[in-house]
Amino acid sequence: MSMTRQNGLRHTIGVLVENQPGVLSRVAGLFSGRGFNIESLTVAETSEPGLSRITLVTTGDQHILEQIVKQLNKLINVIKVYDFRDTEFVEREMALIKVRAEQHTRAEVLRIVDIFRAKVVDVSPHFYTIEVTGDDGKIQAIMELLGQIGIVEVARTGKAALARAKKH
């Protein structure tokens, strides 16, 4: 699932942590301290009280990333690290896209929304706000089409990822 980028490979990493002050800062610090940019970062509580899941996407050298993963495992408050590099996984992201929706473009916007199984979550006289969930390719594709009509503003959540369940 890794994609090649200018600086190396794209990596998705999940980190199960105790929900304590400073944990996110320490996790992010391991990446920034080694010159890795975090492309997306999501954090939320899990179904287990007191635990949160951090999902981050970064790009860079595989050898350095392996060192970061080892150091993540040593951090206090880190329960488990999921390196999705060699694992099949499901990833999703949600985007809110505010697009111009004048009378002559509304039907086209609604056709695009329908094709991408997105939904209109807010309507005003001149704008629609669209919610779309999917992988990066789907988000990029709908943004490209809506961009031709006139995107005003975008808010993206960043990726959430889980390893696929074993079939056996």
Protein backbone atom coordinates (compact mmCIF):
# COMPACT_ATOMS: atom_id res chain seq x y z
CA MET A 1 0.00 0.00 0.00
CA SER A 2 3.02 2.30 0.03
CA MET A 3 3.22 4.88 -2.71
CA THR A 4 6.50 6.28 -4.04
CA ARG A 5 7.07 9.96 -3.34
CA GLN A 6 9.96 12.31 -4.02
CA ASN A 7 11.77 11.59 -0.73
CA GLY A 8 11.13 7.85 -0.55
CA LEU A 9 8.18 5.67 0.32
CA ARG A 10 4.89 6.67 1.87
CA HIS A 11 4.30 4.89 5.18
CA THR A 12 1.18 4.55 7.32
CA ILE A 13 1.76 3.81 11.00
CA GLY A 14 -0.74 3.20 13.79
CA VAL A 15 0.20 3.70 17.43
CA LEU A 16 -1.99 2.52 20.31
CA VAL A 17 -1.23 4.72 23.32
CA GLU A 18 -2.39 5.47 26.83
CA ASN A 19 -4.41 8.68 26.69
CA GLN A 20 -1.99 10.83 28.72
CA PRO A 21 -0.73 14.41 28.34
CA GLY A 22 2.41 14.69 26.22
CA VAL A 23 2.12 11.33 24.43
CA LEU A 24 1.25 12.86 21.05
CA SER A 25 4.09 15.35 21.38
CA ARG A 26 6.62 12.58 22.08
CA VAL A 27 5.38 10.47 19.16
CA ALA A 28 5.45 13.39 16.71
CA GLY A 29 8.86 14.44 18.07
CA LEU A 30 10.43 11.16 16.98
CA PHE A 31 9.47 11.95 13.38
CA SER A 32 10.36 15.63 13.30
CA GLY A 33 13.65 15.01 15.11
CA ARG A 34 14.75 12.81 12.21
CA GLY A 35 13.56 15.09 9.44
CA PHE A 36 10.37 13.19 8.63
CA ASN A 37 7.37 15.30 7.71
CA ILE A 38 4.04 13.97 8.96
CA GLU A 39 1.65 14.27 6.01
CA SER A 40 -1.46 13.41 8.02
CA LEU A 41 -2.16 12.72 11.66
CA THR A 42 -5.34 11.56 13.37
CA VAL A 43 -5.87 10.81 17.03
CA ALA A 44 -9.00 9.54 18.75
CA GLU A 45 -10.03 7.46 21.71
CA THR A 46 -10.62 3.77 21.11
CA SER A 47 -13.45 1.62 22.42
CA GLU A 48 -11.24 0.83 25.41
CA PRO A 49 -11.32 3.59 28.06
CA GLY A 50 -8.00 5.38 28.51
CA LEU A 51 -6.54 4.28 25.17
CA SER A 52 -6.19 6.31 21.98
CA ARG A 53 -5.11 5.39 18.47
CA ILE A 54 -2.75 7.63 16.53
CA THR A 55 -2.62 7.08 12.78
CA LEU A 56 0.01 8.97 10.84
CA VAL A 57 1.29 9.04 7.30
CA THR A 58 4.87 10.02 6.53
CA THR A 59 7.29 9.81 3.63
CA GLY A 60 10.94 8.89 3.81
CA ASP A 61 13.77 6.42 3.94
CA GLN A 62 12.73 2.91 5.01
CA HIS A 63 15.81 2.30 7.18
CA ILE A 64 15.26 5.46 9.24
CA LEU A 65 11.57 4.63 9.55
CA GLU A 66 12.45 1.21 10.98
CA GLN A 67 14.52 2.98 13.64
CA ILE A 68 11.62 5.30 14.45
CA VAL A 69 9.25 2.32 14.82
CA LYS A 70 11.71 0.66 17.24
CA GLN A 71 11.96 3.87 19.26
CA LEU A 72 8.17 4.28 19.27
CA ASN A 73 7.89 0.83 20.84
CA LYS A 74 10.21 1.98 23.66
CA LEU A 75 8.25 5.14 24.50
CA ILE A 76 6.42 5.19 27.79
CA ASN A 77 2.62 5.16 27.28
CA VAL A 78 2.94 3.37 23.90
CA ILE A 79 1.06 0.06 24.00
CA LYS A 80 1.57 -1.16 20.42
CA VAL A 81 2.91 0.10 17.10
CA TYR A 82 1.35 -1.02 13.82
CA ASP A 83 3.64 -0.56 10.82
CA PHE A 84 1.35 -1.13 7.86
CA ARG A 85 4.24 -1.38 5.39
CA ASP A 86 3.97 -5.16 4.83
CA THR A 87 0.34 -5.58 5.92
CA GLU A 88 -2.91 -5.37 4.04
CA PHE A 89 -4.99 -2.65 5.64
CA VAL A 90 -8.11 -0.58 5.23
CA GLU A 91 -7.72 3.18 5.23
CA ARG A 92 -10.28 5.94 5.04
CA GLU A 93 -10.32 9.69 5.24
CA MET A 94 -13.19 12.13 5.41
CA ALA A 95 -13.26 15.51 3.69
CA LEU A 96 -15.66 18.41 3.91
CA ILE A 97 -15.61 20.40 0.67
CA LYS A 98 -17.41 23.73 0.29
CA VAL A 99 -18.12 24.29 -3.40
CA ARG A 100 -19.83 27.05 -5.36
CA ALA A 101 -23.36 25.97 -6.24
CA GLU A 102 -25.00 28.63 -8.33
CA GLN A 103 -28.24 27.82 -10.08
CA HIS A 104 -26.49 26.73 -13.31
CA THR A 105 -23.98 24.42 -11.50
CA ARG A 106 -26.14 22.82 -8.79
CA ALA A 107 -27.25 19.86 -10.91
CA GLU A 108 -23.63 19.08 -11.90
CA VAL A 109 -22.49 19.25 -8.26
CA LEU A 110 -25.28 16.87 -7.25
CA ARG A 111 -24.33 14.43 -10.06
CA ILE A 112 -20.72 14.40 -8.82
CA VAL A 113 -21.91 13.89 -5.23
CA ASP A 114 -24.03 10.93 -6.36
CA ILE A 115 -21.25 9.32 -8.43
CA PHE A 116 -18.85 9.42 -5.46
CA ARG A 117 -21.48 8.31 -2.92
CA ALA A 118 -20.85 11.53 -1.04
CA LYS A 119 -23.53 13.67 0.57
CA VAL A 120 -24.50 17.29 0.82
CA VAL A 121 -24.38 18.26 4.51
CA ASP A 122 -25.03 22.01 4.23
CA VAL A 123 -26.83 24.18 1.69
CA SER A 124 -26.86 27.94 1.27
CA PRO A 125 -28.01 30.13 -1.62
CA HIS A 126 -24.57 30.00 -3.31
CA PHE A 127 -22.71 27.04 -1.77
CA TYR A 128 -22.99 23.35 -0.98
CA THR A 129 -20.82 21.65 1.62
CA ILE A 130 -20.08 18.07 0.61
CA GLU A 131 -18.96 15.22 2.90
CA VAL A 132 -16.99 12.43 1.22
CA THR A 133 -15.27 9.42 2.76
CA GLY A 134 -12.76 7.16 1.04
CA ASP A 135 -9.13 6.55 0.27
CA ASP A 136 -6.78 9.25 -0.94
CA GLY A 137 -7.53 8.50 -4.61
CA LYS A 138 -11.26 8.99 -4.15
CA ILE A 139 -10.80 12.25 -2.22
CA GLN A 140 -8.38 13.59 -4.88
CA ALA A 141 -10.72 12.57 -7.73
CA ILE A 142 -13.81 14.31 -6.34
CA MET A 143 -11.74 17.39 -5.49
CA GLU A 144 -10.45 17.51 -9.07
CA LEU A 145 -13.99 17.45 -10.49
CA LEU A 146 -15.40 19.89 -7.95
CA GLY A 147 -12.36 22.13 -8.48
CA GLN A 148 -13.55 22.74 -12.04
CA ILE A 149 -16.79 24.12 -10.60
CA GLY A 150 -15.17 26.13 -7.81
CA ILE A 151 -13.96 24.83 -4.45
CA VAL A 152 -14.06 27.52 -1.78
CA GLU A 153 -12.70 25.62 1.23
CA VAL A 154 -11.61 22.11 2.22
CA ALA A 155 -11.15 20.41 5.61
CA ARG A 156 -9.69 16.87 5.65
CA THR A 157 -9.46 14.56 8.63
CA GLY A 158 -6.31 12.65 7.74
CA LYS A 159 -6.25 8.88 7.46
CA ALA A 160 -7.59 6.29 9.84
CA ALA A 161 -6.25 2.78 9.22
CA LEU A 162 -6.75 -0.75 10.55
CA ALA A 163 -5.11 -4.00 9.49
CA ARG A 164 -7.38 -6.27 7.52
CA ALA A 165 -8.71 -9.27 9.42
CA LYS A 166 -7.16 -12.63 8.61
CA LYS A 167 -9.40 -14.70 6.33
CA HIS A 168 -8.59 -18.01 8.10
